[in-house]
PDB file of N, CA and C in Angstrom:
ATOM      1  N   MET A   1      83.998 -59.729-182.712  1.00  0.00           N
ATOM      2  CA  MET A   1      84.127 -59.917-184.176  1.00  0.00           C
ATOM      3  C   MET A   1      85.439 -60.490-184.073  1.00  0.00           C
ATOM      4  N   ARG A   2      85.669 -61.533-184.975  1.00  0.00           N
ATOM      5  CA  ARG A   2      87.057 -62.235-185.181  1.00  0.00           C
ATOM      6  C   ARG A   2      87.425 -61.684-186.462  1.00  0.00           C
ATOM      7  N   SER A   3      89.016 -61.528-186.337  1.00  0.00           N
ATOM      8  CA  SER A   3      89.657 -61.212-187.683  1.00  0.00           C
ATOM      9  C   SER A   3      89.826 -62.309-188.404  1.00  0.00           C
ATOM     10  N   LEU A   4      90.096 -62.227-189.801  1.00  0.00           N
ATOM     11  CA  LEU A   4      90.121 -63.132-190.634  1.00  0.00           C
ATOM     12  C   LEU A   4      91.279 -64.030-190.287  1.00  0.00           C
ATOM     13  N   GLY A   5      92.197 -63.664-189.776  1.00  0.00           N
ATOM     14  CA  GLY A   5      93.452 -64.571-189.171  1.00  0.00           C
ATOM     15  C   GLY A   5      92.844 -65.289-188.120  1.00  0.00           C
ATOM     16  N   GLN A   6      92.155 -64.666-187.171  1.00  0.00           N
ATOM     17  CA  GLN A   6      91.583 -65.460-185.968  1.00  0.00           C
ATOM     18  C   GLN A   6      90.765 -66.596-186.513  1.00  0.00           C
ATOM     19  N   ARG A   7      89.900 -66.461-187.601  1.00  0.00           N
ATOM     20  CA  ARG A   7      89.023 -67.502-188.046  1.00  0.00           C
ATOM     21  C   ARG A   7      89.888 -68.603-188.824  1.00  0.00           C
ATOM     22  N   ILE A   8      90.857 -68.084-189.508  1.00  0.00           N
ATOM     23  CA  ILE A   8      91.715 -69.258-189.898  1.00  0.00           C
ATOM     24  C   ILE A   8      92.324 -69.974-188.895  1.00  0.00           C
ATOM     25  N   GLU A   9      92.929 -69.304-187.901  1.00  0.00           N
ATOM     26  CA  GLU A   9      93.398 -70.362-186.770  1.00  0.00           C
ATOM     27  C   GLU A   9      92.463 -71.075-185.986  1.00  0.00           C
ATOM     28  N   LEU A  10      91.298 -70.618-185.915  1.00  0.00           N
ATOM     29  CA  LEU A  10      90.335 -71.442-185.388  1.00  0.00           C
ATOM     30  C   LEU A  10      90.147 -72.694-186.152  1.00  0.00           C
ATOM     31  N   LEU A  11      89.942 -72.563-187.402  1.00  0.00           N
ATOM     32  CA  LEU A  11      89.771 -73.754-188.238  1.00  0.00           C
ATOM     33  C   LEU A  11      90.960 -74.790-188.343  1.00  0.00           C
ATOM     34  N   LYS A  12      92.090 -74.125-188.337  1.00  0.00           N
ATOM     35  CA  LYS A  12      93.333 -74.904-187.871  1.00  0.00           C
ATOM     36  C   LYS A  12      93.226 -75.809-186.829  1.00  0.00           C
ATOM     37  N   VAL A  13      92.761 -75.307-185.709  1.00  0.00           N
ATOM     38  CA  VAL A  13      93.014 -75.609-184.346  1.00  0.00           C
ATOM     39  C   VAL A  13      91.829 -76.816-184.450  1.00  0.00           C
ATOM     40  N   ILE A  14      90.816 -76.803-185.062  1.00  0.00           N
ATOM     41  CA  ILE A  14      89.707 -77.815-184.698  1.00  0.00           C
ATOM     42  C   ILE A  14      89.952 -78.681-185.916  1.00  0.00           C
ATOM     43  N   ALA A  15      90.726 -78.707-186.866  1.00  0.00           N
ATOM     44  CA  ALA A  15      90.775 -79.518-188.122  1.00  0.00           C
ATOM     45  C   ALA A  15      91.728 -80.735-187.670  1.00  0.00           C
ATOM     46  N   HIS A  16      91.453 -81.598-187.022  1.00  0.00           N
ATOM     47  CA  HIS A  16      92.050 -82.619-186.504  1.00  0.00           C
ATOM     48  C   HIS A  16      90.856 -83.617-185.944  1.00  0.00           C
ATOM     49  N   PRO A  17      90.978 -84.989-186.413  1.00  0.00           N
ATOM     50  CA  PRO A  17      89.842 -85.912-186.109  1.00  0.00           C
ATOM     51  C   PRO A  17      89.646 -86.101-184.730  1.00  0.00           C
ATOM     52  N   ILE A  18      90.815 -86.205-183.797  1.00  0.00           N
ATOM     53  CA  ILE A  18      90.602 -86.419-182.420  1.00  0.00           C
ATOM     54  C   ILE A  18      89.981 -85.115-181.894  1.00  0.00           C
ATOM     55  N   ARG A  19      90.373 -84.019-182.254  1.00  0.00           N
ATOM     56  CA  ARG A  19      89.666 -82.741-181.690  1.00  0.00           C
ATOM     57  C   ARG A  19      88.152 -82.539-182.239  1.00  0.00           C
ATOM     58  N   ILE A  20      88.050 -82.792-183.316  1.00  0.00           N
ATOM     59  CA  ILE A  20      86.408 -82.917-183.815  1.00  0.00           C
ATOM     60  C   ILE A  20      85.641 -84.082-182.835  1.00  0.00           C
ATOM     61  N   GLN A  21      86.269 -85.141-182.573  1.00  0.00           N
ATOM     62  CA  GLN A  21      85.599 -86.072-181.779  1.00  0.00           C
ATOM     63  C   GLN A  21      85.400 -85.283-180.383  1.00  0.00           C
ATOM     64  N   ILE A  22      86.230 -85.000-179.767  1.00  0.00           N
ATOM     65  CA  ILE A  22      86.234 -84.146-178.484  1.00  0.00           C
ATOM     66  C   ILE A  22      85.092 -83.130-178.579  1.00  0.00           C
ATOM     67  N   LEU A  23      85.301 -82.157-179.657  1.00  0.00           N
ATOM     68  CA  LEU A  23      84.226 -81.010-179.678  1.00  0.00           C
ATOM     69  C   LEU A  23      82.683 -81.849-179.724  1.00  0.00           C
ATOM     70  N   GLU A  24      82.793 -82.757-180.727  1.00  0.00           N
ATOM     71  CA  GLU A  24      81.333 -83.434-180.764  1.00  0.00           C
ATOM     72  C   GLU A  24      80.801 -83.943-179.372  1.00  0.00           C
ATOM     73  N   GLU A  25      81.685 -84.411-178.574  1.00  0.00           N
ATOM     74  CA  GLU A  25      81.145 -84.808-177.238  1.00  0.00           C
ATOM     75  C   GLU A  25      80.794 -83.830-176.192  1.00  0.00           C
ATOM     76  N   LEU A  26      81.748 -82.687-176.295  1.00  0.00           N
ATOM     77  CA  LEU A  26      81.339 -81.585-175.623  1.00  0.00           C
ATOM     78  C   LEU A  26      80.123 -80.845-175.867  1.00  0.00           C
ATOM     79  N   THR A  27      79.648 -80.964-177.175  1.00  0.00           N
ATOM     80  CA  THR A  27      78.415 -80.174-177.384  1.00  0.00           C
ATOM     81  C   THR A  27      77.285 -81.043-176.704  1.00  0.00           C
ATOM     82  N   LYS A  28      77.512 -82.180-176.183  1.00  0.00           N
ATOM     83  CA  LYS A  28      76.686 -82.933-175.329  1.00  0.00           C
ATOM     84  C   LYS A  28      76.340 -82.576-174.082  1.00  0.00           C
ATOM     85  N   GLY A  29      77.669 -81.994-173.447  1.00  0.00           N
ATOM     86  CA  GLY A  29      77.773 -81.580-172.101  1.00  0.00           C
ATOM     87  C   GLY A  29      79.101 -81.771-171.534  1.00  0.00           C
ATOM     88  N   VAL A  30      79.301 -81.511-170.145  1.00  0.00           N
ATOM     89  CA  VAL A  30      80.507 -81.531-169.655  1.00  0.00           C
ATOM     90  C   VAL A  30      81.193 -82.613-169.607  1.00  0.00           C
ATOM     91  N   LYS A  31      82.537 -82.829-169.948  1.00  0.00           N
ATOM     92  CA  LYS A  31      83.316 -84.187-169.933  1.00  0.00           C
ATOM     93  C   LYS A  31      84.561 -83.933-169.305  1.00  0.00           C
ATOM     94  N   CYS A  32      84.853 -85.181-168.474  1.00  0.00           N
ATOM     95  CA  CYS A  32      86.323 -85.172-168.003  1.00  0.00           C
ATOM     96  C   CYS A  32      87.294 -86.365-168.928  1.00  0.00           C
ATOM     97  N   VAL A  33      88.340 -85.929-168.635  1.00  0.00           N
ATOM     98  CA  VAL A  33      89.687 -86.675-169.432  1.00  0.00           C
ATOM     99  C   VAL A  33      89.051 -88.167-169.455  1.00  0.00           C
ATOM    100  N   SER A  34      88.749 -88.766-168.300  1.00  0.00           N
ATOM    101  CA  SER A  34      88.405 -90.124-168.190  1.00  0.00           C
ATOM    102  C   SER A  34      87.044 -90.522-169.132  1.00  0.00           C
ATOM    103  N   ASP A  35      86.193 -89.605-169.509  1.00  0.00           N
ATOM    104  CA  ASP A  35      85.230 -89.776-170.309  1.00  0.00           C
ATOM    105  C   ASP A  35      85.670 -89.827-171.733  1.00  0.00           C
ATOM    106  N   PHE A  36      86.679 -89.074-171.904  1.00  0.00           N
ATOM    107  CA  PHE A  36      87.368 -89.226-173.456  1.00  0.00           C
ATOM    108  C   PHE A  36      88.127 -90.569-173.620  1.00  0.00           C
ATOM    109  N   GLU A  37      88.689 -90.936-172.440  1.00  0.00           N
ATOM    110  CA  GLU A  37      89.523 -92.255-172.599  1.00  0.00           C
ATOM    111  C   GLU A  37      88.550 -93.298-172.927  1.00  0.00           C
ATOM    112  N   GLU A  38      87.386 -93.337-172.627  1.00  0.00           N
ATOM    113  CA  GLU A  38      86.524 -94.483-172.817  1.00  0.00           C
ATOM    114  C   GLU A  38      86.145 -94.529-174.488  1.00  0.00           C
ATOM    115  N   PHE A  39      86.213 -93.600-175.312  1.00  0.00           N
ATOM    116  CA  PHE A  39      85.969 -93.661-176.661  1.00  0.00           C
ATOM    117  C   PHE A  39      86.922 -93.201-177.633  1.00  0.00           C
ATOM    118  N   LEU A  40      87.987 -92.753-177.231  1.00  0.00           N
ATOM    119  CA  LEU A  40      88.953 -92.085-178.166  1.00  0.00           C
ATOM    120  C   LEU A  40      90.335 -93.138-178.474  1.00  0.00           C
ATOM    121  N   GLU A  41      90.523 -93.978-177.674  1.00  0.00           N
ATOM    122  CA  GLU A  41      91.684 -95.057-178.003  1.00  0.00           C
ATOM    123  C   GLU A  41      92.735 -94.595-178.034  1.00  0.00           C
ATOM    124  N   ILE A  42      93.122 -93.292-177.360  1.00  0.00           N
ATOM    125  CA  ILE A  42      94.541 -92.781-177.294  1.00  0.00           C
ATOM    126  C   ILE A  42      94.813 -92.558-175.780  1.00  0.00           C
ATOM    127  N   SER A  43      96.167 -92.357-175.622  1.00  0.00           N
ATOM    128  CA  SER A  43      96.590 -92.158-174.231  1.00  0.00           C
ATOM    129  C   SER A  43      95.949 -91.006-173.423  1.00  0.00           C
ATOM    130  N   GLN A  44      95.946 -90.926-172.160  1.00  0.00           N
ATOM    131  CA  GLN A  44      95.507 -89.677-171.422  1.00  0.00           C
ATOM    132  C   GLN A  44      96.458 -88.636-171.794  1.00  0.00           C
ATOM    133  N   PRO A  45      97.758 -88.634-171.679  1.00  0.00           N
ATOM    134  CA  PRO A  45      98.645 -87.449-172.116  1.00  0.00           C
ATOM    135  C   PRO A  45      98.356 -86.828-173.584  1.00  0.00           C
ATOM    136  N   ASN A  46      97.982 -87.867-174.361  1.00  0.00           N
ATOM    137  CA  ASN A  46      97.673 -87.257-175.823  1.00  0.00           C
ATOM    138  C   ASN A  46      96.267 -86.496-175.775  1.00  0.00           C
ATOM    139  N   ILE A  47      95.427 -87.118-175.112  1.00  0.00           N
ATOM    140  CA  ILE A  47      94.012 -86.424-174.994  1.00  0.00           C
ATOM    141  C   ILE A  47      94.363 -84.964-174.145  1.00  0.00           C
ATOM    142  N   SER A  48      95.159 -84.870-173.215  1.00  0.00           N
ATOM    143  CA  SER A  48      95.303 -83.771-172.329  1.00  0.00           C
ATOM    144  C   SER A  48      95.791 -82.764-173.165  1.00  0.00           C
ATOM    145  N   GLN A  49      96.799 -83.150-174.373  1.00  0.00           N
ATOM    146  CA  GLN A  49      97.423 -82.241-175.155  1.00  0.00           C
ATOM    147  C   GLN A  49      96.404 -81.625-176.121  1.00  0.00           C
ATOM    148  N   HIS A  50      95.437 -82.438-176.584  1.00  0.00           N
ATOM    149  CA  HIS A  50      94.548 -81.938-177.511  1.00  0.00           C
ATOM    150  C   HIS A  50      93.521 -81.010-176.759  1.00  0.00           C
ATOM    151  N   LEU A  51      93.225 -81.197-175.458  1.00  0.00           N
ATOM    152  CA  LEU A  51      92.416 -80.502-174.801  1.00  0.00           C
ATOM    153  C   LEU A  51      93.183 -79.150-174.442  1.00  0.00           C
ATOM    154  N   SER A  52      94.409 -79.217-174.134  1.00  0.00           N
ATOM    155  CA  SER A  52      95.269 -77.993-173.788  1.00  0.00           C
ATOM    156  C   SER A  52      95.153 -77.083-175.263  1.00  0.00           C
ATOM    157  N   LEU A  53      95.351 -77.761-176.352  1.00  0.00           N
ATOM    158  CA  LEU A  53      95.498 -76.745-177.441  1.00  0.00           C
ATOM    159  C   LEU A  53      94.054 -76.062-177.649  1.00  0.00           C
ATOM    160  N   LEU A  54      93.193 -76.854-177.355  1.00  0.00           N
ATOM    161  CA  LEU A  54      91.598 -76.242-177.519  1.00  0.00           C
ATOM    162  C   LEU A  54      91.434 -75.073-176.630  1.00  0.00           C
ATOM    163  N   ARG A  55      91.986 -75.199-175.418  1.00  0.00           N
ATOM    164  CA  ARG A  55      91.519 -74.226-174.152  1.00  0.00           C
ATOM    165  C   ARG A  55      92.570 -73.245-174.529  1.00  0.00           C
ATOM    166  N   ASN A  56      93.988 -73.390-174.947  1.00  0.00           N
ATOM    167  CA  ASN A  56      94.816 -72.234-175.245  1.00  0.00           C
ATOM    168  C   ASN A  56      94.258 -71.356-176.375  1.00  0.00           C
ATOM    169  N   PHE A  57      93.086 -71.822-177.283  1.00  0.00           N
ATOM    170  CA  PHE A  57      92.449 -71.056-178.258  1.00  0.00           C
ATOM    171  C   PHE A  57      91.279 -70.597-177.894  1.00  0.00           C
ATOM    172  N   ARG A  58      90.986 -70.693-176.531  1.00  0.00           N
ATOM    173  CA  ARG A  58      89.569 -70.370-176.116  1.00  0.00           C
ATOM    174  C   ARG A  58      88.313 -70.932-176.870  1.00  0.00           C
ATOM    175  N   VAL A  59      88.509 -72.275-177.182  1.00  0.00           N
ATOM    176  CA  VAL A  59      87.289 -72.947-177.776  1.00  0.00           C
ATOM    177  C   VAL A  59      86.692 -73.619-176.459  1.00  0.00           C
ATOM    178  N   ILE A  60      87.465 -74.280-175.614  1.00  0.00           N
ATOM    179  CA  ILE A  60      86.950 -74.750-174.660  1.00  0.00           C
ATOM    180  C   ILE A  60      87.606 -74.439-173.040  1.00  0.00           C
ATOM    181  N   ASP A  61      86.988 -74.611-171.874  1.00  0.00           N
ATOM    182  CA  ASP A  61      87.527 -74.381-170.588  1.00  0.00           C
ATOM    183  C   ASP A  61      87.245 -75.465-169.801  1.00  0.00           C
ATOM    184  N   TYR A  62      87.604 -75.490-168.605  1.00  0.00           N
ATOM    185  CA  TYR A  62      87.501 -76.546-167.749  1.00  0.00           C
ATOM    186  C   TYR A  62      87.046 -75.925-166.215  1.00  0.00           C
ATOM    187  N   TYR A  63      86.613 -76.440-165.208  1.00  0.00           N
ATOM    188  CA  TYR A  63      86.704 -76.474-163.949  1.00  0.00           C
ATOM    189  C   TYR A  63      87.036 -77.431-163.046  1.00  0.00           C
ATOM    190  N   ILE A  64      87.710 -77.464-161.925  1.00  0.00           N
ATOM    191  CA  ILE A  64      88.129 -78.613-161.143  1.00  0.00           C
ATOM    192  C   ILE A  64      87.043 -79.155-160.189  1.00  0.00           C
ATOM    193  N   ASP A  65      86.771 -80.399-160.115  1.00  0.00           N
ATOM    194  CA  ASP A  65      85.818 -80.662-159.071  1.00  0.00           C
ATOM    195  C   ASP A  65      86.512 -81.889-158.490  1.00  0.00           C
ATOM    196  N   GLY A  66      86.869 -81.617-157.457  1.00  0.00           N
ATOM    197  CA  GLY A  66      87.921 -82.859-156.701  1.00  0.00           C
ATOM    198  C   GLY A  66      89.445 -82.807-157.309  1.00  0.00           C
ATOM    199  N   ARG A  67      89.459 -84.069-157.924  1.00  0.00           N
ATOM    200  CA  ARG A  67      90.675 -84.340-158.570  1.00  0.00           C
ATOM    201  C   ARG A  67      90.320 -84.233-160.092  1.00  0.00           C
ATOM    202  N   LEU A  68      89.195 -84.219-160.346  1.00  0.00           N
ATOM    203  CA  LEU A  68      88.892 -84.022-161.901  1.00  0.00           C
ATOM    204  C   LEU A  68      88.720 -82.838-162.487  1.00  0.00           C
ATOM    205  N   ARG A  69      89.254 -82.641-163.710  1.00  0.00           N
ATOM    206  CA  ARG A  69      89.108 -81.440-164.616  1.00  0.00           C
ATOM    207  C   ARG A  69      87.930 -81.812-165.516  1.00  0.00           C
ATOM    208  N   CYS A  70      86.936 -80.925-165.362  1.00  0.00           N
ATOM    209  CA  CYS A  70      85.666 -81.054-166.214  1.00  0.00           C
ATOM    210  C   CYS A  70      85.561 -80.004-167.176  1.00  0.00           C
ATOM    211  N   TYR A  71      85.727 -80.544-168.646  1.00  0.00           N
ATOM    212  CA  TYR A  71      85.789 -79.818-169.794  1.00  0.00           C
ATOM    213  C   TYR A  71      84.292 -79.294-170.333  1.00  0.00           C
ATOM    214  N   PHE A  72      84.323 -78.203-170.906  1.00  0.00           N
ATOM    215  CA  PHE A  72      82.922 -77.516-171.474  1.00  0.00           C
ATOM    216  C   PHE A  72      83.261 -76.693-172.561  1.00  0.00           C
ATOM    217  N   LEU A  73      82.549 -76.335-173.575  1.00  0.00           N
ATOM    218  CA  LEU A  73      82.590 -75.555-174.754  1.00  0.00           C
ATOM    219  C   LEU A  73      82.316 -74.066-174.093  1.00  0.00           C
ATOM    220  N   VAL A  74      83.051 -73.114-174.840  1.00  0.00           N
ATOM    221  CA  VAL A  74      83.021 -71.783-174.367  1.00  0.00           C
ATOM    222  C   VAL A  74      82.833 -70.921-175.830  1.00  0.00           C
ATOM    223  N   ASP A  75      83.050 -71.529-176.905  1.00  0.00           N
ATOM    224  CA  ASP A  75      83.030 -70.880-178.220  1.00  0.00           C
ATOM    225  C   ASP A  75      81.649 -71.226-178.648  1.00  0.00           C
ATOM    226  N   PRO A  76      80.885 -70.272-179.073  1.00  0.00           N
ATOM    227  CA  PRO A  76      79.437 -70.423-179.618  1.00  0.00           C
ATOM    228  C   PRO A  76      79.382 -70.860-180.885  1.00  0.00           C
ATOM    229  N   ILE A  77      80.571 -70.855-181.838  1.00  0.00           N
ATOM    230  CA  ILE A  77      80.487 -71.209-183.179  1.00  0.00           C
ATOM    231  C   ILE A  77      80.743 -72.644-183.285  1.00  0.00           C
ATOM    232  N   ILE A  78      81.277 -73.368-182.467  1.00  0.00           N
ATOM    233  CA  ILE A  78      81.571 -74.746-182.586  1.00  0.00           C
ATOM    234  C   ILE A  78      80.588 -75.582-182.871  1.00  0.00           C
ATOM    235  N   PRO A  79      79.413 -75.450-182.117  1.00  0.00           N
ATOM    236  CA  PRO A  79      78.128 -76.372-182.526  1.00  0.00           C
ATOM    237  C   PRO A  79      77.697 -76.149-184.096  1.00  0.00           C
ATOM    238  N   ASP A  80      77.569 -74.846-184.273  1.00  0.00           N
ATOM    239  CA  ASP A  80      77.311 -74.628-185.769  1.00  0.00           C
ATOM    240  C   ASP A  80      78.287 -75.020-186.903  1.00  0.00           C
ATOM    241  N   LEU A  81      79.524 -75.086-186.477  1.00  0.00           N
ATOM    242  CA  LEU A  81      80.619 -75.492-187.232  1.00  0.00           C
ATOM    243  C   LEU A  81      80.535 -77.110-187.555  1.00  0.00           C
ATOM    244  N   LEU A  82      80.430 -77.765-186.332  1.00  0.00           N
ATOM    245  CA  LEU A  82      80.192 -79.271-186.386  1.00  0.00           C
ATOM    246  C   LEU A  82      78.965 -79.759-187.036  1.00  0.00           C
ATOM    247  N   GLU A  83      77.990 -78.993-186.908  1.00  0.00           N
ATOM    248  CA  GLU A  83      76.660 -79.290-187.598  1.00  0.00           C
ATOM    249  C   GLU A  83      76.879 -79.146-189.239  1.00  0.00           C
ATOM    250  N   LEU A  84      77.467 -77.977-189.660  1.00  0.00           N
ATOM    251  CA  LEU A  84      77.770 -77.773-191.066  1.00  0.00           C
ATOM    252  C   LEU A  84      78.600 -78.868-191.462  1.00  0.00           C
ATOM    253  N   LEU A  85      79.584 -79.550-190.859  1.00  0.00           N
ATOM    254  CA  LEU A  85      80.609 -80.469-191.230  1.00  0.00           C
ATOM    255  C   LEU A  85      79.919 -81.773-191.568  1.00  0.00           C
ATOM    256  N   LYS A  86      78.777 -81.870-190.860  1.00  0.00           N
ATOM    257  CA  LYS A  86      77.891 -83.381-190.803  1.00  0.00           C
ATOM    258  C   LYS A  86      76.950 -83.220-191.961  1.00  0.00           C
ATOM    259  N   LYS A  87      76.834 -82.078-192.696  1.00  0.00           N
ATOM    260  CA  LYS A  87      75.710 -81.930-193.601  1.00  0.00           C
ATOM    261  C   LYS A  87      76.122 -82.641-195.089  1.00  0.00           C
ATOM    262  N   ASP A  88      75.019 -83.248-195.435  1.00  0.00           N
ATOM    263  CA  ASP A  88      75.556 -83.968-196.784  1.00  0.00           C
ATOM    264  C   ASP A  88      74.942 -83.099-198.012  1.00  0.00           C
ATOM    265  N   TYR A  89      75.854 -83.020-198.847  1.00  0.00           N
ATOM    266  CA  TYR A  89      75.618 -82.229-200.195  1.00  0.00           C
ATOM    267  C   TYR A  89      75.481 -82.800-201.202  1.00  0.00           C
ATOM    268  N   PRO A  90      74.513 -83.167-201.763  1.00  0.00           N
ATOM    269  CA  PRO A  90      74.292 -84.200-202.876  1.00  0.00           C
ATOM    270  C   PRO A  90      74.958 -83.938-204.251  1.00  0.00           C
ATOM    271  N   ASP A  91      75.059 -82.646-204.417  1.00  0.00           N
ATOM    272  CA  ASP A  91      75.531 -82.140-205.604  1.00  0.00           C
ATOM    273  C   ASP A  91      76.411 -80.924-205.758  1.00  0.00           C
ATOM    274  N   PHE A  92      77.274 -80.594-206.843  1.00  0.00           N
ATOM    275  CA  PHE A  92      78.144 -79.433-206.669  1.00  0.00           C
ATOM    276  C   PHE A  92      77.101 -78.175-207.115  1.00  0.00           C
ATOM    277  N   LEU A  93      77.575 -76.971-206.961  1.00  0.00           N
ATOM    278  CA  LEU A  93      77.084 -75.791-207.334  1.00  0.00           C
ATOM    279  C   LEU A  93      77.008 -75.972-208.966  1.00  0.00           C
ATOM    280  N   PRO A  94      76.043 -75.267-209.525  1.00  0.00           N
ATOM    281  CA  PRO A  94      75.791 -75.145-211.125  1.00  0.00           C
ATOM    282  C   PRO A  94      76.889 -74.242-211.559  1.00  0.00           C
ATOM    283  N   GLY A  95      77.661 -74.438-212.664  1.00  0.00           N
ATOM    284  CA  GLY A  95      78.428 -73.601-213.349  1.00  0.00           C
ATOM    285  C   GLY A  95      77.650 -72.148-213.748  1.00  0.00           C
ATOM    286  N   PRO A  96      78.564 -71.255-213.886  1.00  0.00           N
ATOM    287  CA  PRO A  96      78.095 -70.017-214.356  1.00  0.00           C
ATOM    288  C   PRO A  96      77.485 -70.086-215.705  1.00  0.00           C
ATOM    289  N   GLU A  97      76.566 -69.343-216.276  1.00  0.00           N
ATOM    290  CA  GLU A  97      75.903 -69.191-217.607  1.00  0.00           C
ATOM    291  C   GLU A  97      77.087 -68.543-218.572  1.00  0.00           C
ATOM    292  N   CYS A  98      77.628 -67.351-218.171  1.00  0.00           N
ATOM    293  CA  CYS A  98      78.533 -66.893-218.794  1.00  0.00           C
ATOM    294  C   CYS A  98      79.444 -66.063-217.950  1.00  0.00           C
ATOM    295  N   CYS A  99      80.437 -65.259-218.651  1.00  0.00           N
ATOM    296  CA  CYS A  99      81.295 -64.359-217.622  1.00  0.00           C
ATOM    297  C   CYS A  99      80.559 -63.127-217.219  1.00  0.00           C
ATOM    298  N   PRO A 100      80.525 -62.889-215.940  1.00  0.00           N
ATOM    299  CA  PRO A 100      79.883 -61.736-215.623  1.00  0.00           C
ATOM    300  C   PRO A 100      80.174 -60.263-215.963  1.00  0.00           C
ATOM    301  N   ILE A 101      81.373 -60.248-216.495  1.00  0.00           N
ATOM    302  CA  ILE A 101      81.949 -58.964-216.722  1.00  0.00           C
ATOM    303  C   ILE A 101      81.802 -58.833-218.505  1.00  0.00           C
ATOM    304  N   THR A 102      82.225 -59.739-219.128  1.00  0.00           N
ATOM    305  CA  THR A 102      81.927 -59.597-220.886  1.00  0.00           C
ATOM    306  C   THR A 102      80.693 -60.053-221.105  1.00  0.00           C
ATOM    307  N   LYS A 103      79.999 -60.910-220.462  1.00  0.00           N
ATOM    308  CA  LYS A 103      78.619 -61.518-220.781  1.00  0.00           C
ATOM    309  C   LYS A 103      78.925 -62.399-221.974  1.00  0.00           C
ATOM    310  N   LYS A 104      79.914 -62.904-222.121  1.00  0.00           N
ATOM    311  CA  LYS A 104      80.132 -63.783-223.399  1.00  0.00           C
ATOM    312  C   LYS A 104      80.840 -65.208-222.817  1.00  0.00           C
ATOM    313  N   GLY A 105      81.009 -66.162-223.536  1.00  0.00           N
ATOM    314  CA  GLY A 105      81.380 -67.483-223.032  1.00  0.00           C
ATOM    315  C   GLY A 105      80.315 -68.317-222.406  1.00  0.00           C
ATOM    316  N   LYS A 106      80.667 -69.459-222.168  1.00  0.00           N
ATOM    317  CA  LYS A 106      79.790 -70.369-221.601  1.00  0.00           C
ATOM    318  C   LYS A 106      80.622 -71.499-220.798  1.00  0.00           C
ATOM    319  N   TYR A 107      80.207 -71.813-219.623  1.00  0.00           N
ATOM    320  CA  TYR A 107      80.783 -73.009-218.815  1.00  0.00           C
ATOM    321  C   TYR A 107      80.459 -74.195-219.684  1.00  0.00           C
ATOM    322  N   PRO A 108      81.735 -74.909-219.889  1.00  0.00           N
ATOM    323  CA  PRO A 108      81.501 -76.035-220.666  1.00  0.00           C
ATOM    324  C   PRO A 108      80.861 -77.322-220.023  1.00  0.00           C
ATOM    325  N   GLY A 109      80.583 -77.132-218.687  1.00  0.00           N
ATOM    326  CA  GLY A 109      80.078 -78.296-217.783  1.00  0.00           C
ATOM    327  C   GLY A 109      81.058 -79.104-217.120  1.00  0.00           C
ATOM    328  N   GLN A 110      82.280 -79.401-217.858  1.00  0.00           N
ATOM    329  CA  GLN A 110      83.314 -80.260-216.788  1.00  0.00           C
ATOM    330  C   GLN A 110      84.565 -79.843-217.269  1.00  0.00           C
ATOM    331  N   ARG A 111      85.488 -79.748-216.293  1.00  0.00           N
ATOM    332  CA  ARG A 111      86.881 -79.304-216.543  1.00  0.00           C
ATOM    333  C   ARG A 111      87.791 -80.443-216.765  1.00  0.00           C
ATOM    334  N   ARG A 112      88.628 -80.240-217.762  1.00  0.00           N
ATOM    335  CA  ARG A 112      89.679 -81.374-217.901  1.00  0.00           C
ATOM    336  C   ARG A 112      90.620 -81.378-216.688  1.00  0.00           C
ATOM    337  N   ARG A 113      90.971 -82.622-216.390  1.00  0.00           N
ATOM    338  CA  ARG A 113      91.969 -82.637-215.114  1.00  0.00           C
ATOM    339  C   ARG A 113      93.214 -83.331-215.798  1.00  0.00           C
TER     340      ARG A 113
END
């Protein structure tokens, strides 16, 4: 079981567009750095930095096949988080009918900004 701090750190680590793309590709299967170079349009050293960060937080790991490092997912929550991020929510949650403590008041419907 992850502590609150570990859950927050995990969200911080994956909260980057490049890392999200890397993780989405890894949900499809094992990938090498050259596979990521084909679609990420960033340098190989930059890709390696992202992979290293994900590996240091035990989100992914790799094995060596000849000269290639082959990366794969190890954290089972990642596919669930990625699916959740893709979900489309058409509306906001409804406001409360009244205060749950005093049982008075009513949510006006819109907040002033």
